[in-house]
Amino acid sequence: DVLERARGVTELIKAAAPRIEAARELPPDVLAAMHRARLFRLLLPRSVGGDEIDLETHAMALETIARADASTAWVMS
């Protein structure tokens, strides 16, 4: 489930928030975790390996990530 995958990376993102702020970029471990959770492919069609989710679910996933770190949600969007 998309929201479970988003929730699954929030603790890592929260812990990385000071590093994200200081470096003004997502650190490699956060990016890798988000890629493993397939959070950058949510809106892509299934025919190209995406999840093809609806916009409401995408917004809820973004909100979940934004609660951990707003900048990370911005990158994800």
PDB file of N, CA and C in Angstrom:
ATOM      1  N   ASP A   1       0.845  -1.184   0.000  1.00  0.00           N
ATOM      2  CA  ASP A   1       0.000   0.000   0.000  1.00  0.00           C
ATOM      3  C   ASP A   1       0.889   1.245   0.000  1.00  0.00           C
ATOM      4  N   VAL A   2       0.525   2.203  -0.800  1.00  0.00           N
ATOM      5  CA  VAL A   2       1.307   3.430  -0.981  1.00  0.00           C
ATOM      6  C   VAL A   2       1.506   4.172   0.337  1.00  0.00           C
ATOM      7  N   LEU A   3       0.464   4.334   1.110  1.00  0.00           N
ATOM      8  CA  LEU A   3       0.577   5.094   2.354  1.00  0.00           C
ATOM      9  C   LEU A   3       1.448   4.361   3.370  1.00  0.00           C
ATOM     10  N   GLU A   4       1.402   3.048   3.382  1.00  0.00           N
ATOM     11  CA  GLU A   4       2.281   2.279   4.267  1.00  0.00           C
ATOM     12  C   GLU A   4       3.738   2.468   3.853  1.00  0.00           C
ATOM     13  N   ARG A   5       3.986   2.478   2.555  1.00  0.00           N
ATOM     14  CA  ARG A   5       5.355   2.706   2.075  1.00  0.00           C
ATOM     15  C   ARG A   5       5.834   4.097   2.470  1.00  0.00           C
ATOM     16  N   ALA A   6       4.964   5.085   2.370  1.00  0.00           N
ATOM     17  CA  ALA A   6       5.336   6.448   2.776  1.00  0.00           C
ATOM     18  C   ALA A   6       5.604   6.500   4.277  1.00  0.00           C
ATOM     19  N   ARG A   7       4.724   5.892   5.051  1.00  0.00           N
ATOM     20  CA  ARG A   7       4.933   5.868   6.501  1.00  0.00           C
ATOM     21  C   ARG A   7       6.218   5.134   6.867  1.00  0.00           C
ATOM     22  N   GLY A   8       6.588   4.179   6.066  1.00  0.00           N
ATOM     23  CA  GLY A   8       7.771   3.375   6.340  1.00  0.00           C
ATOM     24  C   GLY A   8       9.083   4.135   6.284  1.00  0.00           C
ATOM     25  N   VAL A   9       9.109   5.285   5.634  1.00  0.00           N
ATOM     26  CA  VAL A   9      10.353   6.069   5.549  1.00  0.00           C
ATOM     27  C   VAL A   9      10.328   7.323   6.407  1.00  0.00           C
ATOM     28  N   THR A  10       9.230   7.581   7.088  1.00  0.00           N
ATOM     29  CA  THR A  10       9.121   8.854   7.813  1.00  0.00           C
ATOM     30  C   THR A  10      10.105   8.978   8.970  1.00  0.00           C
ATOM     31  N   GLU A  11      10.369   7.904   9.685  1.00  0.00           N
ATOM     32  CA  GLU A  11      11.319   8.014  10.805  1.00  0.00           C
ATOM     33  C   GLU A  11      12.719   8.348  10.301  1.00  0.00           C
ATOM     34  N   LEU A  12      13.114   7.727   9.214  1.00  0.00           N
ATOM     35  CA  LEU A  12      14.409   8.041   8.612  1.00  0.00           C
ATOM     36  C   LEU A  12      14.451   9.508   8.183  1.00  0.00           C
ATOM     37  N   ILE A  13      13.374   9.975   7.562  1.00  0.00           N
ATOM     38  CA  ILE A  13      13.328  11.364   7.099  1.00  0.00           C
ATOM     39  C   ILE A  13      13.363  12.330   8.271  1.00  0.00           C
ATOM     40  N   LYS A  14      12.590  12.051   9.318  1.00  0.00           N
ATOM     41  CA  LYS A  14      12.619  12.911  10.509  1.00  0.00           C
ATOM     42  C   LYS A  14      14.022  12.999  11.084  1.00  0.00           C
ATOM     43  N   ALA A  15      14.688  11.862  11.189  1.00  0.00           N
ATOM     44  CA  ALA A  15      16.039  11.838  11.746  1.00  0.00           C
ATOM     45  C   ALA A  15      17.025  12.591  10.855  1.00  0.00           C
ATOM     46  N   ALA A  16      16.771  12.594   9.557  1.00  0.00           N
ATOM     47  CA  ALA A  16      17.671  13.256   8.610  1.00  0.00           C
ATOM     48  C   ALA A  16      17.359  14.733   8.418  1.00  0.00           C
ATOM     49  N   ALA A  17      16.271  15.211   8.979  1.00  0.00           N
ATOM     50  CA  ALA A  17      15.836  16.596   8.745  1.00  0.00           C
ATOM     51  C   ALA A  17      16.937  17.631   8.995  1.00  0.00           C
ATOM     52  N   PRO A  18      17.712  17.540  10.081  1.00  0.00           N
ATOM     53  CA  PRO A  18      18.790  18.525  10.262  1.00  0.00           C
ATOM     54  C   PRO A  18      19.841  18.467   9.144  1.00  0.00           C
ATOM     55  N   ARG A  19      20.157  17.263   8.677  1.00  0.00           N
ATOM     56  CA  ARG A  19      21.113  17.124   7.568  1.00  0.00           C
ATOM     57  C   ARG A  19      20.541  17.682   6.278  1.00  0.00           C
ATOM     58  N   ILE A  20      19.250  17.445   6.073  1.00  0.00           N
ATOM     59  CA  ILE A  20      18.585  17.955   4.871  1.00  0.00           C
ATOM     60  C   ILE A  20      18.628  19.480   4.875  1.00  0.00           C
ATOM     61  N   GLU A  21      18.314  20.069   6.007  1.00  0.00           N
ATOM     62  CA  GLU A  21      18.321  21.521   6.130  1.00  0.00           C
ATOM     63  C   GLU A  21      19.725  22.086   5.938  1.00  0.00           C
ATOM     64  N   ALA A  22      20.711  21.470   6.572  1.00  0.00           N
ATOM     65  CA  ALA A  22      22.083  21.978   6.498  1.00  0.00           C
ATOM     66  C   ALA A  22      22.663  21.875   5.086  1.00  0.00           C
ATOM     67  N   ALA A  23      22.425  20.752   4.436  1.00  0.00           N
ATOM     68  CA  ALA A  23      23.006  20.526   3.105  1.00  0.00           C
ATOM     69  C   ALA A  23      22.140  21.089   1.985  1.00  0.00           C
ATOM     70  N   ARG A  24      20.873  21.358   2.312  1.00  0.00           N
ATOM     71  CA  ARG A  24      19.896  21.831   1.329  1.00  0.00           C
ATOM     72  C   ARG A  24      19.732  20.852   0.169  1.00  0.00           C
ATOM     73  N   GLU A  25      19.808  19.581   0.525  1.00  0.00           N
ATOM     74  CA  GLU A  25      19.548  18.508  -0.431  1.00  0.00           C
ATOM     75  C   GLU A  25      19.249  17.235   0.356  1.00  0.00           C
ATOM     76  N   LEU A  26      18.624  16.281  -0.318  1.00  0.00           N
ATOM     77  CA  LEU A  26      18.338  15.006   0.337  1.00  0.00           C
ATOM     78  C   LEU A  26      19.604  14.167   0.354  1.00  0.00           C
ATOM     79  N   PRO A  27      19.952  13.639   1.519  1.00  0.00           N
ATOM     80  CA  PRO A  27      21.141  12.787   1.586  1.00  0.00           C
ATOM     81  C   PRO A  27      20.906  11.459   0.867  1.00  0.00           C
ATOM     82  N   PRO A  28      21.992  10.811   0.449  1.00  0.00           N
ATOM     83  CA  PRO A  28      21.868   9.561  -0.313  1.00  0.00           C
ATOM     84  C   PRO A  28      21.040   8.485   0.382  1.00  0.00           C
ATOM     85  N   ASP A  29      21.135   8.371   1.711  1.00  0.00           N
ATOM     86  CA  ASP A  29      20.375   7.318   2.395  1.00  0.00           C
ATOM     87  C   ASP A  29      18.878   7.570   2.325  1.00  0.00           C
ATOM     88  N   VAL A  30      18.482   8.832   2.399  1.00  0.00           N
ATOM     89  CA  VAL A  30      17.054   9.178   2.288  1.00  0.00           C
ATOM     90  C   VAL A  30      16.567   8.923   0.867  1.00  0.00           C
ATOM     91  N   LEU A  31      17.333   9.382  -0.107  1.00  0.00           N
ATOM     92  CA  LEU A  31      16.948   9.143  -1.505  1.00  0.00           C
ATOM     93  C   LEU A  31      16.828   7.647  -1.794  1.00  0.00           C
ATOM     94  N   ALA A  32      17.790   6.877  -1.318  1.00  0.00           N
ATOM     95  CA  ALA A  32      17.752   5.429  -1.559  1.00  0.00           C
ATOM     96  C   ALA A  32      16.512   4.801  -0.934  1.00  0.00           C
ATOM     97  N   ALA A  33      16.180   5.202   0.286  1.00  0.00           N
ATOM     98  CA  ALA A  33      14.997   4.650   0.960  1.00  0.00           C
ATOM     99  C   ALA A  33      13.721   5.029   0.213  1.00  0.00           C
ATOM    100  N   MET A  34      13.664   6.252  -0.274  1.00  0.00           N
ATOM    101  CA  MET A  34      12.476   6.682  -1.013  1.00  0.00           C
ATOM    102  C   MET A  34      12.363   5.951  -2.343  1.00  0.00           C
ATOM    103  N   HIS A  35      13.497   5.698  -2.986  1.00  0.00           N
ATOM    104  CA  HIS A  35      13.469   4.918  -4.232  1.00  0.00           C
ATOM    105  C   HIS A  35      13.031   3.484  -3.948  1.00  0.00           C
ATOM    106  N   ARG A  36      13.563   2.889  -2.888  1.00  0.00           N
ATOM    107  CA  ARG A  36      13.154   1.516  -2.532  1.00  0.00           C
ATOM    108  C   ARG A  36      11.655   1.454  -2.244  1.00  0.00           C
ATOM    109  N   ALA A  37      11.108   2.507  -1.656  1.00  0.00           N
ATOM    110  CA  ALA A  37       9.674   2.560  -1.354  1.00  0.00           C
ATOM    111  C   ALA A  37       8.847   2.963  -2.581  1.00  0.00           C
ATOM    112  N   ARG A  38       9.525   3.198  -3.685  1.00  0.00           N
ATOM    113  CA  ARG A  38       8.884   3.560  -4.966  1.00  0.00           C
ATOM    114  C   ARG A  38       8.040   4.828  -4.847  1.00  0.00           C
ATOM    115  N   LEU A  39       8.519   5.799  -4.096  1.00  0.00           N
ATOM    116  CA  LEU A  39       7.747   7.024  -3.884  1.00  0.00           C
ATOM    117  C   LEU A  39       7.901   8.032  -5.020  1.00  0.00           C
ATOM    118  N   PHE A  40       8.832   7.795  -5.921  1.00  0.00           N
ATOM    119  CA  PHE A  40       9.002   8.705  -7.061  1.00  0.00           C
ATOM    120  C   PHE A  40       8.289   8.202  -8.308  1.00  0.00           C
ATOM    121  N   ARG A  41       7.592   7.077  -8.206  1.00  0.00           N
ATOM    122  CA  ARG A  41       6.937   6.486  -9.376  1.00  0.00           C
ATOM    123  C   ARG A  41       5.417   6.366  -9.191  1.00  0.00           C
ATOM    124  N   LEU A  42       4.894   7.091  -8.245  1.00  0.00           N
ATOM    125  CA  LEU A  42       3.487   6.918  -7.868  1.00  0.00           C
ATOM    126  C   LEU A  42       2.510   7.289  -8.975  1.00  0.00           C
ATOM    127  N   LEU A  43       2.808   8.332  -9.725  1.00  0.00           N
ATOM    128  CA  LEU A  43       1.860   8.793 -10.745  1.00  0.00           C
ATOM    129  C   LEU A  43       2.135   8.228 -12.136  1.00  0.00           C
ATOM    130  N   LEU A  44       3.277   7.555 -12.292  1.00  0.00           N
ATOM    131  CA  LEU A  44       3.590   6.995 -13.603  1.00  0.00           C
ATOM    132  C   LEU A  44       2.631   5.865 -13.948  1.00  0.00           C
ATOM    133  N   PRO A  45       2.322   5.706 -15.235  1.00  0.00           N
ATOM    134  CA  PRO A  45       1.452   4.600 -15.642  1.00  0.00           C
ATOM    135  C   PRO A  45       2.087   3.245 -15.329  1.00  0.00           C
ATOM    136  N   ARG A  46       1.252   2.271 -15.085  1.00  0.00           N
ATOM    137  CA  ARG A  46       1.742   0.918 -14.815  1.00  0.00           C
ATOM    138  C   ARG A  46       2.540   0.365 -15.997  1.00  0.00           C
ATOM    139  N   SER A  47       2.174   0.790 -17.206  1.00  0.00           N
ATOM    140  CA  SER A  47       2.838   0.280 -18.416  1.00  0.00           C
ATOM    141  C   SER A  47       4.323   0.637 -18.458  1.00  0.00           C
ATOM    142  N   VAL A  48       4.751   1.623 -17.660  1.00  0.00           N
ATOM    143  CA  VAL A  48       6.174   1.989 -17.612  1.00  0.00           C
ATOM    144  C   VAL A  48       6.755   1.754 -16.219  1.00  0.00           C
ATOM    145  N   GLY A  49       6.078   0.909 -15.427  1.00  0.00           N
ATOM    146  CA  GLY A  49       6.597   0.532 -14.120  1.00  0.00           C
ATOM    147  C   GLY A  49       6.158   1.406 -12.960  1.00  0.00           C
ATOM    148  N   GLY A  50       5.172   2.249 -13.190  1.00  0.00           N
ATOM    149  CA  GLY A  50       4.673   3.106 -12.120  1.00  0.00           C
ATOM    150  C   GLY A  50       3.522   2.474 -11.362  1.00  0.00           C
ATOM    151  N   ASP A  51       3.050   3.196 -10.360  1.00  0.00           N
ATOM    152  CA  ASP A  51       1.922   2.718  -9.564  1.00  0.00           C
ATOM    153  C   ASP A  51       0.576   3.228 -10.067  1.00  0.00           C
ATOM    154  N   GLU A  52       0.592   4.288 -10.865  1.00  0.00           N
ATOM    155  CA  GLU A  52      -0.614   4.847 -11.467  1.00  0.00           C
ATOM    156  C   GLU A  52      -1.724   5.078 -10.425  1.00  0.00           C
ATOM    157  N   ILE A  53      -1.354   5.743  -9.319  1.00  0.00           N
ATOM    158  CA  ILE A  53      -2.342   5.992  -8.267  1.00  0.00           C
ATOM    159  C   ILE A  53      -3.155   7.244  -8.586  1.00  0.00           C
ATOM    160  N   ASP A  54      -4.262   7.393  -7.905  1.00  0.00           N
ATOM    161  CA  ASP A  54      -5.110   8.565  -8.091  1.00  0.00           C
ATOM    162  C   ASP A  54      -4.502   9.766  -7.349  1.00  0.00           C
ATOM    163  N   LEU A  55      -4.921  10.951  -7.716  1.00  0.00           N
ATOM    164  CA  LEU A  55      -4.355  12.183  -7.152  1.00  0.00           C
ATOM    165  C   LEU A  55      -4.620  12.328  -5.660  1.00  0.00           C
ATOM    166  N   GLU A  56      -5.762  11.851  -5.198  1.00  0.00           N
ATOM    167  CA  GLU A  56      -6.065  11.947  -3.767  1.00  0.00           C
ATOM    168  C   GLU A  56      -5.067  11.116  -2.946  1.00  0.00           C
ATOM    169  N   THR A  57      -4.783   9.908  -3.396  1.00  0.00           N
ATOM    170  CA  THR A  57      -3.824   9.065  -2.689  1.00  0.00           C
ATOM    171  C   THR A  57      -2.427   9.674  -2.762  1.00  0.00           C
ATOM    172  N   HIS A  58      -2.087  10.249  -3.908  1.00  0.00           N
ATOM    173  CA  HIS A  58      -0.786  10.911  -4.050  1.00  0.00           C
ATOM    174  C   HIS A  58      -0.680  12.066  -3.051  1.00  0.00           C
ATOM    175  N   ALA A  59      -1.723  12.847  -2.929  1.00  0.00           N
ATOM    176  CA  ALA A  59      -1.720  13.962  -1.978  1.00  0.00           C
ATOM    177  C   ALA A  59      -1.575  13.446  -0.545  1.00  0.00           C
ATOM    178  N   MET A  60      -2.219  12.344  -0.222  1.00  0.00           N
ATOM    179  CA  MET A  60      -2.100  11.787   1.127  1.00  0.00           C
ATOM    180  C   MET A  60      -0.680  11.274   1.378  1.00  0.00           C
ATOM    181  N   ALA A  61      -0.049  10.689   0.369  1.00  0.00           N
ATOM    182  CA  ALA A  61       1.336  10.233   0.515  1.00  0.00           C
ATOM    183  C   ALA A  61       2.266  11.428   0.716  1.00  0.00           C
ATOM    184  N   LEU A  62       2.054  12.483  -0.056  1.00  0.00           N
ATOM    185  CA  LEU A  62       2.853  13.700   0.120  1.00  0.00           C
ATOM    186  C   LEU A  62       2.675  14.288   1.514  1.00  0.00           C
ATOM    187  N   GLU A  63       1.452  14.308   1.989  1.00  0.00           N
ATOM    188  CA  GLU A  63       1.174  14.826   3.328  1.00  0.00           C
ATOM    189  C   GLU A  63       1.891  13.993   4.392  1.00  0.00           C
ATOM    190  N   THR A  64       1.915  12.700   4.208  1.00  0.00           N
ATOM    191  CA  THR A  64       2.609  11.812   5.149  1.00  0.00           C
ATOM    192  C   THR A  64       4.096  12.161   5.201  1.00  0.00           C
ATOM    193  N   ILE A  65       4.702  12.335   4.044  1.00  0.00           N
ATOM    194  CA  ILE A  65       6.124  12.687   3.985  1.00  0.00           C
ATOM    195  C   ILE A  65       6.343  14.099   4.522  1.00  0.00           C
ATOM    196  N   ALA A  66       5.444  15.015   4.222  1.00  0.00           N
ATOM    197  CA  ALA A  66       5.587  16.401   4.679  1.00  0.00           C
ATOM    198  C   ALA A  66       5.549  16.508   6.197  1.00  0.00           C
ATOM    199  N   ARG A  67       4.816  15.627   6.848  1.00  0.00           N
ATOM    200  CA  ARG A  67       4.804  15.635   8.314  1.00  0.00           C
ATOM    201  C   ARG A  67       6.197  15.317   8.871  1.00  0.00           C
ATOM    202  N   ALA A  68       6.963  14.542   8.131  1.00  0.00           N
ATOM    203  CA  ALA A  68       8.326  14.215   8.553  1.00  0.00           C
ATOM    204  C   ALA A  68       9.292  15.342   8.171  1.00  0.00           C
ATOM    205  N   ASP A  69       9.156  15.872   6.957  1.00  0.00           N
ATOM    206  CA  ASP A  69      10.007  16.973   6.496  1.00  0.00           C
ATOM    207  C   ASP A  69       9.381  17.561   5.221  1.00  0.00           C
ATOM    208  N   ALA A  70       9.013  18.819   5.298  1.00  0.00           N
ATOM    209  CA  ALA A  70       8.323  19.466   4.179  1.00  0.00           C
ATOM    210  C   ALA A  70       9.193  19.535   2.935  1.00  0.00           C
ATOM    211  N   SER A  71      10.481  19.772   3.094  1.00  0.00           N
ATOM    212  CA  SER A  71      11.370  19.853   1.934  1.00  0.00           C
ATOM    213  C   SER A  71      11.426  18.524   1.180  1.00  0.00           C
ATOM    214  N   THR A  72      11.402  17.446   1.909  1.00  0.00           N
ATOM    215  CA  THR A  72      11.428  16.129   1.276  1.00  0.00           C
ATOM    216  C   THR A  72      10.152  15.896   0.479  1.00  0.00           C
ATOM    217  N   ALA A  73       9.030  16.329   1.009  1.00  0.00           N
ATOM    218  CA  ALA A  73       7.772  16.208   0.270  1.00  0.00           C
ATOM    219  C   ALA A  73       7.810  17.054  -0.996  1.00  0.00           C
ATOM    220  N   TRP A  74       8.423  18.220  -0.906  1.00  0.00           N
ATOM    221  CA  TRP A  74       8.533  19.087  -2.077  1.00  0.00           C
ATOM    222  C   TRP A  74       9.323  18.372  -3.172  1.00  0.00           C
ATOM    223  N   VAL A  75      10.445  17.739  -2.789  1.00  0.00           N
ATOM    224  CA  VAL A  75      11.242  17.003  -3.754  1.00  0.00           C
ATOM    225  C   VAL A  75      10.432  15.851  -4.341  1.00  0.00           C
ATOM    226  N   MET A  76       9.705  15.154  -3.501  1.00  0.00           N
ATOM    227  CA  MET A  76       8.905  14.020  -3.946  1.00  0.00           C
ATOM    228  C   MET A  76       7.818  14.452  -4.936  1.00  0.00           C
ATOM    229  N   SER A  77       7.277  15.633  -4.735  1.00  0.00           N
ATOM    230  CA  SER A  77       6.191  16.082  -5.610  1.00  0.00           C
ATOM    231  C   SER A  77       6.719  16.475  -6.974  1.00  0.00           C
TER     232      SER A  77
END
